[in-house]
C-alpha atoms as a PDB file:
ATOM      1  CA  MET A   1       8.853  27.407  11.907  1.00  0.00           C
ATOM      2  CA  PRO A   2       8.701  26.355   8.164  1.00  0.00           C
ATOM      3  CA  ALA A   3       5.441  27.638   6.540  1.00  0.00           C
ATOM      4  CA  ALA A   4       4.043  24.161   5.941  1.00  0.00           C
ATOM      5  CA  THR A   5       4.604  23.024   9.538  1.00  0.00           C
ATOM      6  CA  ARG A   6       3.206  26.339  10.737  1.00  0.00           C
ATOM      7  CA  LYS A   7       0.066  25.706   8.668  1.00  0.00           C
ATOM      8  CA  ALA A   8      -0.153  22.096   9.987  1.00  0.00           C
ATOM      9  CA  SER A   9       0.117  23.420  13.461  1.00  0.00           C
ATOM     10  CA  ILE A  10      -3.041  25.977  12.898  1.00  0.00           C
ATOM     11  CA  ILE A  11      -4.955  23.193  11.130  1.00  0.00           C
ATOM     12  CA  THR A  12      -4.399  21.051  14.283  1.00  0.00           C
ATOM     13  CA  THR A  13      -5.041  23.772  16.755  1.00  0.00           C
ATOM     14  CA  LEU A  14      -8.355  24.379  14.860  1.00  0.00           C
ATOM     15  CA  PHE A  15      -9.359  20.748  14.689  1.00  0.00           C
ATOM     16  CA  LEU A  16      -8.547  20.487  18.444  1.00  0.00           C
ATOM     17  CA  ARG A  17     -10.915  23.412  19.287  1.00  0.00           C
ATOM     18  CA  ILE A  18     -13.804  21.737  17.522  1.00  0.00           C
ATOM     19  CA  TYR A  19     -12.849  18.277  18.939  1.00  0.00           C
ATOM     20  CA  ASN A  20     -13.275  19.600  22.590  1.00  0.00           C
ATOM     21  CA  GLU A  21     -16.425  21.955  21.996  1.00  0.00           C
ATOM     22  CA  TRP A  22     -18.198  19.052  20.077  1.00  0.00           C
ATOM     23  CA  THR A  23     -19.707  16.030  21.374  1.00  0.00           C
ATOM     24  CA  TRP A  24     -21.530  13.303  19.524  1.00  0.00           C
ATOM     25  CA  SER A  25     -24.051  11.652  21.281  1.00  0.00           C
ATOM     26  CA  SER A  26     -23.419   8.258  19.707  1.00  0.00           C
ATOM     27  CA  ARG A  27     -21.337   5.660  17.680  1.00  0.00           C
ATOM     28  CA  TYR A  28     -23.029   6.235  14.562  1.00  0.00           C
ATOM     29  CA  PRO A  29     -25.303   9.659  14.957  1.00  0.00           C
ATOM     30  CA  GLU A  30     -28.115   9.933  12.693  1.00  0.00           C
ATOM     31  CA  GLN A  31     -28.482  12.770   9.679  1.00  0.00           C
ATOM     32  CA  PRO A  32     -30.037  15.552  12.139  1.00  0.00           C
ATOM     33  CA  GLU A  33     -27.184  15.241  14.263  1.00  0.00           C
ATOM     34  CA  ILE A  34     -24.764  15.158  11.734  1.00  0.00           C
ATOM     35  CA  LEU A  35     -26.542  18.226   9.854  1.00  0.00           C
ATOM     36  CA  GLN A  36     -26.389  20.016  13.205  1.00  0.00           C
ATOM     37  CA  TYR A  37     -22.409  19.152  13.297  1.00  0.00           C
ATOM     38  CA  LEU A  38     -22.000  20.883   9.775  1.00  0.00           C
ATOM     39  CA  ASN A  39     -23.602  23.990  10.773  1.00  0.00           C
ATOM     40  CA  PHE A  40     -21.858  24.059  13.978  1.00  0.00           C
ATOM     41  CA  VAL A  41     -18.437  24.288  12.190  1.00  0.00           C
ATOM     42  CA  ALA A  42     -19.581  26.566   9.572  1.00  0.00           C
ATOM     43  CA  ASP A  43     -20.675  29.085  12.493  1.00  0.00           C
ATOM     44  CA  LYS A  44     -17.849  28.540  14.500  1.00  0.00           C
ATOM     45  CA  PHE A  45     -15.457  29.269  11.569  1.00  0.00           C
ATOM     46  CA  LYS A  46     -17.456  31.547   9.724  1.00  0.00           C
ATOM     47  CA  LEU A  47     -17.211  29.869   6.569  1.00  0.00           C
ATOM     48  CA  ARG A  48     -20.984  30.800   5.185  1.00  0.00           C
ATOM     49  CA  THR A  49     -18.922  34.162   4.204  1.00  0.00           C
ATOM     50  CA  ASP A  50     -16.467  32.187   1.707  1.00  0.00           C
ATOM     51  CA  ILE A  51     -19.527  29.913   0.441  1.00  0.00           C
ATOM     52  CA  GLN A  52     -21.477  30.728  -2.749  1.00  0.00           C
ATOM     53  CA  PHE A  53     -24.791  28.731  -2.798  1.00  0.00           C
ATOM     54  CA  LYS A  54     -26.836  28.165  -5.990  1.00  0.00           C
ATOM     55  CA  THR A  55     -23.972  28.199  -8.256  1.00  0.00           C
ATOM     56  CA  ARG A  56     -23.568  25.470 -11.001  1.00  0.00           C
ATOM     57  CA  ILE A  57     -19.839  25.403 -12.844  1.00  0.00           C
ATOM     58  CA  ASN A  58     -20.535  24.630 -16.749  1.00  0.00           C
ATOM     59  CA  ALA A  59     -16.806  23.633 -17.064  1.00  0.00           C
ATOM     60  CA  SER A  60     -13.408  23.839 -15.885  1.00  0.00           C
ATOM     61  CA  HIS A  61     -10.036  23.853 -17.698  1.00  0.00           C
ATOM     62  CA  TYR A  62      -6.111  23.725 -16.502  1.00  0.00           C
ATOM     63  CA  ASP A  63      -4.232  26.762 -17.965  1.00  0.00           C
ATOM     64  CA  GLU A  64      -1.104  25.456 -18.146  1.00  0.00           C
ATOM     65  CA  GLU A  65       0.887  28.533 -19.194  1.00  0.00           C
ATOM     66  CA  ASN A  66      -0.311  30.239 -15.964  1.00  0.00           C
ATOM     67  CA  ASN A  67      -0.515  27.168 -13.580  1.00  0.00           C
ATOM     68  CA  LYS A  68      -4.229  27.890 -12.857  1.00  0.00           C
ATOM     69  CA  TRP A  69      -7.488  26.498 -13.131  1.00  0.00           C
ATOM     70  CA  ARG A  70     -10.137  28.449 -15.205  1.00  0.00           C
ATOM     71  CA  ILE A  71     -13.773  27.676 -14.338  1.00  0.00           C
ATOM     72  CA  GLN A  72     -16.887  28.904 -15.800  1.00  0.00           C
ATOM     73  CA  LEU A  73     -19.986  29.242 -13.797  1.00  0.00           C
ATOM     74  CA  ASP A  74     -23.418  29.461 -15.277  1.00  0.00           C
ATOM     75  CA  ASP A  75     -23.964  32.599 -15.221  1.00  0.00           C
ATOM     76  CA  GLY A  76     -21.125  33.178 -17.572  1.00  0.00           C
ATOM     77  CA  THR A  77     -18.405  34.163 -14.778  1.00  0.00           C
ATOM     78  CA  ILE A  78     -15.278  32.847 -15.036  1.00  0.00           C
ATOM     79  CA  VAL A  79     -13.178  32.123 -12.039  1.00  0.00           C
ATOM     80  CA  SER A  80      -9.553  31.626 -11.569  1.00  0.00           C
ATOM     81  CA  ALA A  81      -8.123  29.158  -8.703  1.00  0.00           C
ATOM     82  CA  LYS A  82      -4.826  27.501  -7.896  1.00  0.00           C
ATOM     83  CA  TYR A  83      -6.829  24.452  -6.695  1.00  0.00           C
ATOM     84  CA  PHE A  84      -9.955  22.878  -7.790  1.00  0.00           C
ATOM     85  CA  ILE A  85     -11.668  19.995  -5.522  1.00  0.00           C
ATOM     86  CA  THR A  86     -14.531  18.906  -6.841  1.00  0.00           C
ATOM     87  CA  GLY A  87     -17.558  17.008  -5.317  1.00  0.00           C
ATOM     88  CA  VAL A  88     -19.018  15.360  -8.420  1.00  0.00           C
ATOM     89  CA  ASP A  89     -20.767  11.879  -8.961  1.00  0.00           C
ATOM     90  CA  CYS A  90     -22.133  10.252  -5.750  1.00  0.00           C
ATOM     91  CA  LEU A  91     -21.794  13.345  -3.773  1.00  0.00           C
ATOM     92  CA  SER A  92     -23.852  15.461  -5.908  1.00  0.00           C
ATOM     93  CA  ALA A  93     -26.113  13.341  -8.628  1.00  0.00           C
ATOM     94  CA  ALA A  94     -27.800  10.005  -7.659  1.00  0.00           C
ATOM     95  CA  ASN A  95     -27.522   6.863  -9.823  1.00  0.00           C
ATOM     96  CA  LEU A  96     -31.324   6.357 -11.049  1.00  0.00           C
ATOM     97  CA  PRO A  97     -31.535   3.030 -12.707  1.00  0.00           C
ATOM     98  CA  ASN A  98     -33.155   2.637 -15.856  1.00  0.00           C
ATOM     99  CA  PHE A  99     -35.858   0.436 -15.042  1.00  0.00           C
ATOM    100  CA  LYS A 100     -38.129  -0.282 -17.777  1.00  0.00           C
ATOM    101  CA  GLY A 101     -41.854   0.551 -16.748  1.00  0.00           C
ATOM    102  CA  LEU A 102     -40.711   3.240 -14.100  1.00  0.00           C
ATOM    103  CA  GLU A 103     -42.513   5.902 -15.902  1.00  0.00           C
ATOM    104  CA  SER A 104     -45.671   4.528 -16.225  1.00  0.00           C
ATOM    105  CA  PHE A 105     -45.853   2.932 -12.595  1.00  0.00           C
ATOM    106  CA  LYS A 106     -48.599   4.413 -10.599  1.00  0.00           C
ATOM    107  CA  GLY A 107     -47.371   3.790  -7.262  1.00  0.00           C
ATOM    108  CA  GLU A 108     -45.232   5.769  -4.969  1.00  0.00           C
ATOM    109  CA  TRP A 109     -41.310   5.058  -5.476  1.00  0.00           C
ATOM    110  CA  TYR A 110     -38.419   6.940  -3.641  1.00  0.00           C
ATOM    111  CA  HIS A 111     -34.494   6.801  -4.072  1.00  0.00           C
ATOM    112  CA  THR A 112     -32.438   6.679  -1.101  1.00  0.00           C
ATOM    113  CA  GLY A 113     -30.166   9.201  -2.588  1.00  0.00           C
ATOM    114  CA  HIS A 114     -33.138  11.773  -3.065  1.00  0.00           C
ATOM    115  CA  TRP A 115     -35.163  11.036  -0.084  1.00  0.00           C
ATOM    116  CA  PRO A 116     -37.786  13.614   0.968  1.00  0.00           C
ATOM    117  CA  HIS A 117     -37.532  15.616   4.191  1.00  0.00           C
ATOM    118  CA  GLU A 118     -40.872  14.810   5.255  1.00  0.00           C
ATOM    119  CA  GLU A 119     -41.716  11.566   6.819  1.00  0.00           C
ATOM    120  CA  VAL A 120     -42.999   8.723   4.293  1.00  0.00           C
ATOM    121  CA  ASP A 121     -45.408   6.636   5.885  1.00  0.00           C
ATOM    122  CA  PHE A 122     -44.854   2.688   5.127  1.00  0.00           C
ATOM    123  CA  LYS A 123     -47.665   1.560   7.398  1.00  0.00           C
ATOM    124  CA  GLY A 124     -49.774  -1.589   5.825  1.00  0.00           C
ATOM    125  CA  LYS A 125     -48.271  -0.923   2.457  1.00  0.00           C
ATOM    126  CA  ARG A 126     -46.943  -3.447  -0.208  1.00  0.00           C
ATOM    127  CA  VAL A 127     -43.180  -2.646  -0.630  1.00  0.00           C
ATOM    128  CA  GLY A 128     -40.589  -3.672  -2.687  1.00  0.00           C
ATOM    129  CA  ILE A 129     -36.954  -2.696  -2.018  1.00  0.00           C
ATOM    130  CA  ILE A 130     -34.274  -2.740  -4.919  1.00  0.00           C
ATOM    131  CA  GLY A 131     -30.642  -3.476  -3.989  1.00  0.00           C
ATOM    132  CA  THR A 132     -28.983  -4.709  -0.578  1.00  0.00           C
ATOM    133  CA  GLY A 133     -25.962  -2.072  -0.737  1.00  0.00           C
ATOM    134  CA  SER A 134     -25.257  -0.282   2.159  1.00  0.00           C
ATOM    135  CA  SER A 135     -28.291   2.017   1.871  1.00  0.00           C
ATOM    136  CA  GLY A 136     -30.712  -1.241   1.398  1.00  0.00           C
ATOM    137  CA  VAL A 137     -29.076  -3.048   4.053  1.00  0.00           C
ATOM    138  CA  GLN A 138     -29.832   0.303   6.322  1.00  0.00           C
ATOM    139  CA  ALA A 139     -33.284   0.837   5.152  1.00  0.00           C
ATOM    140  CA  ILE A 140     -34.753  -3.249   5.280  1.00  0.00           C
ATOM    141  CA  PRO A 141     -34.879  -3.470   8.590  1.00  0.00           C
ATOM    142  CA  VAL A 142     -36.849  -0.191   9.228  1.00  0.00           C
ATOM    143  CA  LEU A 143     -39.265  -0.993   6.098  1.00  0.00           C
ATOM    144  CA  ALA A 144     -39.764  -4.277   7.567  1.00  0.00           C
ATOM    145  CA  THR A 145     -41.361  -2.975  10.775  1.00  0.00           C
ATOM    146  CA  GLU A 146     -43.441  -0.660   8.964  1.00  0.00           C
ATOM    147  CA  ALA A 147     -44.757  -2.198   5.817  1.00  0.00           C
ATOM    148  CA  GLY A 148     -47.505  -4.610   5.554  1.00  0.00           C
ATOM    149  CA  ASN A 149     -45.361  -6.673   3.223  1.00  0.00           C
ATOM    150  CA  LEU A 150     -41.814  -6.288   2.286  1.00  0.00           C
ATOM    151  CA  THR A 151     -40.216  -7.850  -0.687  1.00  0.00           C
ATOM    152  CA  VAL A 152     -36.351  -7.581  -1.363  1.00  0.00           C
ATOM    153  CA  PHE A 153     -34.829  -7.650  -4.772  1.00  0.00           C
ATOM    154  CA  GLN A 154     -31.095  -8.897  -4.718  1.00  0.00           C
ATOM    155  CA  ARG A 155     -28.420  -9.105  -7.232  1.00  0.00           C
ATOM    156  CA  THR A 156     -25.443 -10.190  -5.072  1.00  0.00           C
ATOM    157  CA  PRO A 157     -25.564 -10.860  -1.432  1.00  0.00           C
ATOM    158  CA  GLN A 158     -23.434  -8.757   0.996  1.00  0.00           C
ATOM    159  CA  TYR A 159     -21.019  -9.423   3.582  1.00  0.00           C
ATOM    160  CA  SER A 160     -22.385  -7.674   6.447  1.00  0.00           C
ATOM    161  CA  ALA A 161     -21.707  -7.156  10.328  1.00  0.00           C
ATOM    162  CA  PRO A 162     -23.590  -5.679  12.824  1.00  0.00           C
ATOM    163  CA  ALA A 163     -23.061  -2.074  13.636  1.00  0.00           C
ATOM    164  CA  ARG A 164     -24.104  -2.154  17.613  1.00  0.00           C
ATOM    165  CA  ASN A 165     -24.908   1.262  17.681  1.00  0.00           C
ATOM    166  CA  HIS A 166     -25.179   2.890  21.151  1.00  0.00           C
ATOM    167  CA  PRO A 167     -25.122   6.177  23.084  1.00  0.00           C
ATOM    168  CA  TYR A 168     -21.689   7.352  24.059  1.00  0.00           C
ATOM    169  CA  ASP A 169     -20.504   6.812  27.720  1.00  0.00           C
ATOM    170  CA  PRO A 170     -19.563  10.042  29.581  1.00  0.00           C
ATOM    171  CA  GLU A 171     -16.390   8.411  30.776  1.00  0.00           C
ATOM    172  CA  TYR A 172     -15.472   7.339  27.322  1.00  0.00           C
ATOM    173  CA  ILE A 173     -16.293  10.897  25.923  1.00  0.00           C
ATOM    174  CA  ARG A 174     -13.931  12.541  28.815  1.00  0.00           C
ATOM    175  CA  GLN A 175     -10.939   9.865  28.041  1.00  0.00           C
ATOM    176  CA  SER A 176     -11.137  10.341  24.304  1.00  0.00           C
ATOM    177  CA  LYS A 177     -10.828  14.090  24.823  1.00  0.00           C
ATOM    178  CA  GLU A 178      -8.068  13.886  26.940  1.00  0.00           C
ATOM    179  CA  ASN A 179      -6.216  11.505  24.899  1.00  0.00           C
ATOM    180  CA  PHE A 180      -6.521  13.516  21.751  1.00  0.00           C
ATOM    181  CA  SER A 181      -2.760  13.376  21.016  1.00  0.00           C
ATOM    182  CA  GLU A 182      -2.535   9.581  21.301  1.00  0.00           C
ATOM    183  CA  ILE A 183      -5.887   9.048  19.177  1.00  0.00           C
ATOM    184  CA  LYS A 184      -4.647  11.359  16.659  1.00  0.00           C
ATOM    185  CA  LYS A 185      -1.115   9.590  16.575  1.00  0.00           C
ATOM    186  CA  GLN A 186      -3.132   6.104  15.768  1.00  0.00           C
ATOM    187  CA  MET A 187      -5.031   7.397  13.113  1.00  0.00           C
ATOM    188  CA  ARG A 188      -2.147   8.713  11.296  1.00  0.00           C
ATOM    189  CA  GLU A 189      -0.116   5.091  11.361  1.00  0.00           C
ATOM    190  CA  SER A 190      -3.342   3.160  10.539  1.00  0.00           C
ATOM    191  CA  GLN A 191      -4.068   2.381   7.083  1.00  0.00           C
ATOM    192  CA  GLY A 192      -7.447   3.963   6.668  1.00  0.00           C
ATOM    193  CA  GLY A 193      -7.116   6.890   9.166  1.00  0.00           C
ATOM    194  CA  GLN A 194      -9.006   4.962  11.878  1.00  0.00           C
ATOM    195  CA  PRO A 195      -7.644   5.066  15.664  1.00  0.00           C
ATOM    196  CA  VAL A 196      -6.858   1.670  15.962  1.00  0.00           C
ATOM    197  CA  VAL A 197      -3.623  -0.424  16.617  1.00  0.00           C
ATOM    198  CA  PRO A 198      -2.480  -2.219  13.481  1.00  0.00           C
ATOM    199  CA  PRO A 199      -2.872  -5.990  13.367  1.00  0.00           C
ATOM    200  CA  THR A 200       0.688  -7.858  13.609  1.00  0.00           C
ATOM    201  CA  LYS A 201      -0.934 -11.580  13.366  1.00  0.00           C
ATOM    202  CA  SER A 202      -1.513 -13.464  10.213  1.00  0.00           C
ATOM    203  CA  ALA A 203      -5.347 -15.357  10.247  1.00  0.00           C
ATOM    204  CA  LEU A 204      -3.341 -18.573   9.359  1.00  0.00           C
ATOM    205  CA  GLU A 205      -0.960 -18.582  12.382  1.00  0.00           C
ATOM    206  CA  VAL A 206      -3.594 -18.916  15.076  1.00  0.00           C
ATOM    207  CA  ALA A 207      -5.503 -22.279  15.987  1.00  0.00           C
ATOM    208  CA  PRO A 208      -8.815 -21.932  14.465  1.00  0.00           C
ATOM    209  CA  GLU A 209     -10.421 -21.741  18.039  1.00  0.00           C
ATOM    210  CA  GLU A 210      -8.466 -18.568  18.893  1.00  0.00           C
ATOM    211  CA  ARG A 211      -9.257 -17.234  15.769  1.00  0.00           C
ATOM    212  CA  ASN A 212     -12.904 -17.614  15.999  1.00  0.00           C
ATOM    213  CA  GLN A 213     -12.641 -16.001  19.125  1.00  0.00           C
ATOM    214  CA  VAL A 214     -11.177 -13.034  17.619  1.00  0.00           C
ATOM    215  CA  TYR A 215     -13.887 -12.722  15.060  1.00  0.00           C
ATOM    216  CA  GLU A 216     -16.406 -13.239  17.905  1.00  0.00           C
ATOM    217  CA  TYR A 217     -15.258 -10.612  19.881  1.00  0.00           C
ATOM    218  CA  ALA A 218     -15.292  -8.183  16.669  1.00  0.00           C
ATOM    219  CA  TRP A 219     -18.723  -9.394  15.686  1.00  0.00           C
ATOM    220  CA  GLU A 220     -19.903  -8.532  19.166  1.00  0.00           C
ATOM    221  CA  ASN A 221     -18.281  -5.326  19.294  1.00  0.00           C
ATOM    222  CA  GLY A 222     -19.657  -4.320  16.026  1.00  0.00           C
ATOM    223  CA  GLY A 223     -18.564  -2.161  13.187  1.00  0.00           C
ATOM    224  CA  LEU A 224     -15.690  -3.484  10.816  1.00  0.00           C
ATOM    225  CA  GLY A 225     -13.376  -5.119  13.248  1.00  0.00           C
ATOM    226  CA  ILE A 226     -13.591  -8.367  11.512  1.00  0.00           C
ATOM    227  CA  PHE A 227     -11.783  -6.691   8.370  1.00  0.00           C
ATOM    228  CA  SER A 228      -8.894  -5.459  10.335  1.00  0.00           C
ATOM    229  CA  ALA A 229      -8.670  -8.433  12.719  1.00  0.00           C
ATOM    230  CA  TYR A 230      -5.389  -9.907  10.854  1.00  0.00           C
ATOM    231  CA  TYR A 231      -2.889  -8.158   8.592  1.00  0.00           C
ATOM    232  CA  ASP A 232      -3.472 -10.639   5.743  1.00  0.00           C
ATOM    233  CA  ILE A 233      -7.223 -10.695   5.282  1.00  0.00           C
ATOM    234  CA  THR A 234      -6.962  -8.167   2.263  1.00  0.00           C
ATOM    235  CA  ILE A 235      -3.813 -10.053   0.768  1.00  0.00           C
ATOM    236  CA  ASN A 236      -4.104 -13.591   1.124  1.00  0.00           C
ATOM    237  CA  GLU A 237      -6.916 -15.893  -0.281  1.00  0.00           C
ATOM    238  CA  ALA A 238      -6.498 -18.448   2.696  1.00  0.00           C
ATOM    239  CA  ALA A 239      -6.788 -15.699   5.281  1.00  0.00           C
ATOM    240  CA  ASN A 240      -9.328 -13.937   3.748  1.00  0.00           C
ATOM    241  CA  GLU A 241     -11.748 -17.101   3.348  1.00  0.00           C
ATOM    242  CA  THR A 242     -11.479 -17.704   7.292  1.00  0.00           C
ATOM    243  CA  ALA A 243     -13.075 -14.305   7.879  1.00  0.00           C
ATOM    244  CA  ALA A 244     -15.664 -15.111   5.005  1.00  0.00           C
ATOM    245  CA  GLU A 245     -16.597 -18.249   6.383  1.00  0.00           C
ATOM    246  CA  PHE A 246     -17.183 -16.914  10.036  1.00  0.00           C
ATOM    247  CA  ILE A 247     -19.492 -14.085   8.598  1.00  0.00           C
ATOM    248  CA  ARG A 248     -21.486 -17.115   6.361  1.00  0.00           C
ATOM    249  CA  SER A 249     -21.865 -18.727   9.461  1.00  0.00           C
ATOM    250  CA  LYS A 250     -23.384 -15.881  11.189  1.00  0.00           C
ATOM    251  CA  ILE A 251     -25.913 -15.803   8.462  1.00  0.00           C
ATOM    252  CA  ARG A 252     -26.650 -19.258   8.765  1.00  0.00           C
ATOM    253  CA  GLU A 253     -27.292 -18.988  12.289  1.00  0.00           C
ATOM    254  CA  ILE A 254     -29.357 -15.741  12.555  1.00  0.00           C
ATOM    255  CA  VAL A 255     -31.666 -16.355   9.624  1.00  0.00           C
ATOM    256  CA  ASN A 256     -34.202 -19.027  10.709  1.00  0.00           C
ATOM    257  CA  ASN A 257     -35.025 -20.341   6.864  1.00  0.00           C
ATOM    258  CA  PRO A 258     -32.420 -22.367   5.576  1.00  0.00           C
ATOM    259  CA  GLU A 259     -33.355 -21.516   1.945  1.00  0.00           C
ATOM    260  CA  THR A 260     -33.566 -17.867   2.629  1.00  0.00           C
ATOM    261  CA  ALA A 261     -30.056 -18.014   4.499  1.00  0.00           C
ATOM    262  CA  GLU A 262     -28.632 -19.862   1.400  1.00  0.00           C
ATOM    263  CA  LYS A 263     -29.624 -16.857  -0.933  1.00  0.00           C
ATOM    264  CA  LEU A 264     -27.748 -14.466   1.672  1.00  0.00           C
ATOM    265  CA  LEU A 265     -24.356 -16.254   1.437  1.00  0.00           C
ATOM    266  CA  PRO A 266     -21.843 -14.147  -0.554  1.00  0.00           C
ATOM    267  CA  SER A 267     -19.323 -16.423  -2.723  1.00  0.00           C
ATOM    268  CA  TYR A 268     -16.697 -13.773  -3.308  1.00  0.00           C
ATOM    269  CA  TYR A 269     -13.655 -12.592  -1.161  1.00  0.00           C
ATOM    270  CA  TYR A 270     -14.575 -10.519   1.683  1.00  0.00           C
ATOM    271  CA  GLY A 271     -13.747  -6.860   0.966  1.00  0.00           C
ATOM    272  CA  THR A 272     -13.735  -7.041  -2.702  1.00  0.00           C
ATOM    273  CA  LYS A 273     -17.106  -5.154  -2.239  1.00  0.00           C
ATOM    274  CA  ARG A 274     -17.366  -2.729   0.064  1.00  0.00           C
ATOM    275  CA  PRO A 275     -17.732  -4.123   3.498  1.00  0.00           C
ATOM    276  CA  ILE A 276     -21.095  -2.545   5.438  1.00  0.00           C
ATOM    277  CA  ILE A 277     -22.752  -2.873   8.662  1.00  0.00           C
ATOM    278  CA  ASP A 278     -26.141  -3.085   9.704  1.00  0.00           C
ATOM    279  CA  THR A 279     -28.717  -3.217  12.421  1.00  0.00           C
ATOM    280  CA  ASN A 280     -30.863  -6.138  12.487  1.00  0.00           C
ATOM    281  CA  TYR A 281     -30.325  -6.764   8.530  1.00  0.00           C
ATOM    282  CA  TYR A 282     -30.118 -10.611   8.904  1.00  0.00           C
ATOM    283  CA  GLU A 283     -32.564 -10.836  11.769  1.00  0.00           C
ATOM    284  CA  SER A 284     -35.102  -9.024   9.383  1.00  0.00           C
END
């Protein structure tokens, strides 16, 4: 067996062990469960012995002559490596906007990228949240149920679809574990590594009634189903507009105040900003 094939086989075997031994509780598990999973994997494969914590990399340079990376640590140590995979930017440093007056603001303020481990009490408080990206859209409904008053500051409205998070049914879990090979095949053959059957129809080749039924099903099912309902949503302006207008119609339907709804309607192509999902965002 070639070395590459043998390596791929070993990785698949290890992944299958994790897949069979770990079971997620819901479609979109929360932070404590994700942390529990990471610790489970680290313990299962004894990864901690190969991880060096509390270490900062000051510089890295590729040595062309020796085909090696030279990596300088904060204590002056030089490490040599064949591969150098970084986890910089959003994985290690949050973007804190330079808002004028932030340094003299006397109230409490928090950044979703540096959220405290202890619970934050918003009950009865006057709260402002800046931004309606993925984090803002997820935080707004929670804050709205706790704060005495919540004001949202938005630069650009978002296309967001309901997450429809739910606990996994035991029968679904059983079928998923039994059909590992088929699910893995679907993931490998899909554009984004998702276990879905790729769409074969154009959004423009079906009647509007049928198309809306497909979008309605995707909306009720939750997740990013609308984005992948038809193969040409990301490559054809007219096809994209059918999906965009469907979501805009949902916003108008859900948001009771027409003036507020109008402010929440995106005007750009769906998918040109990261598609996001929510729980009761427009309802809030």
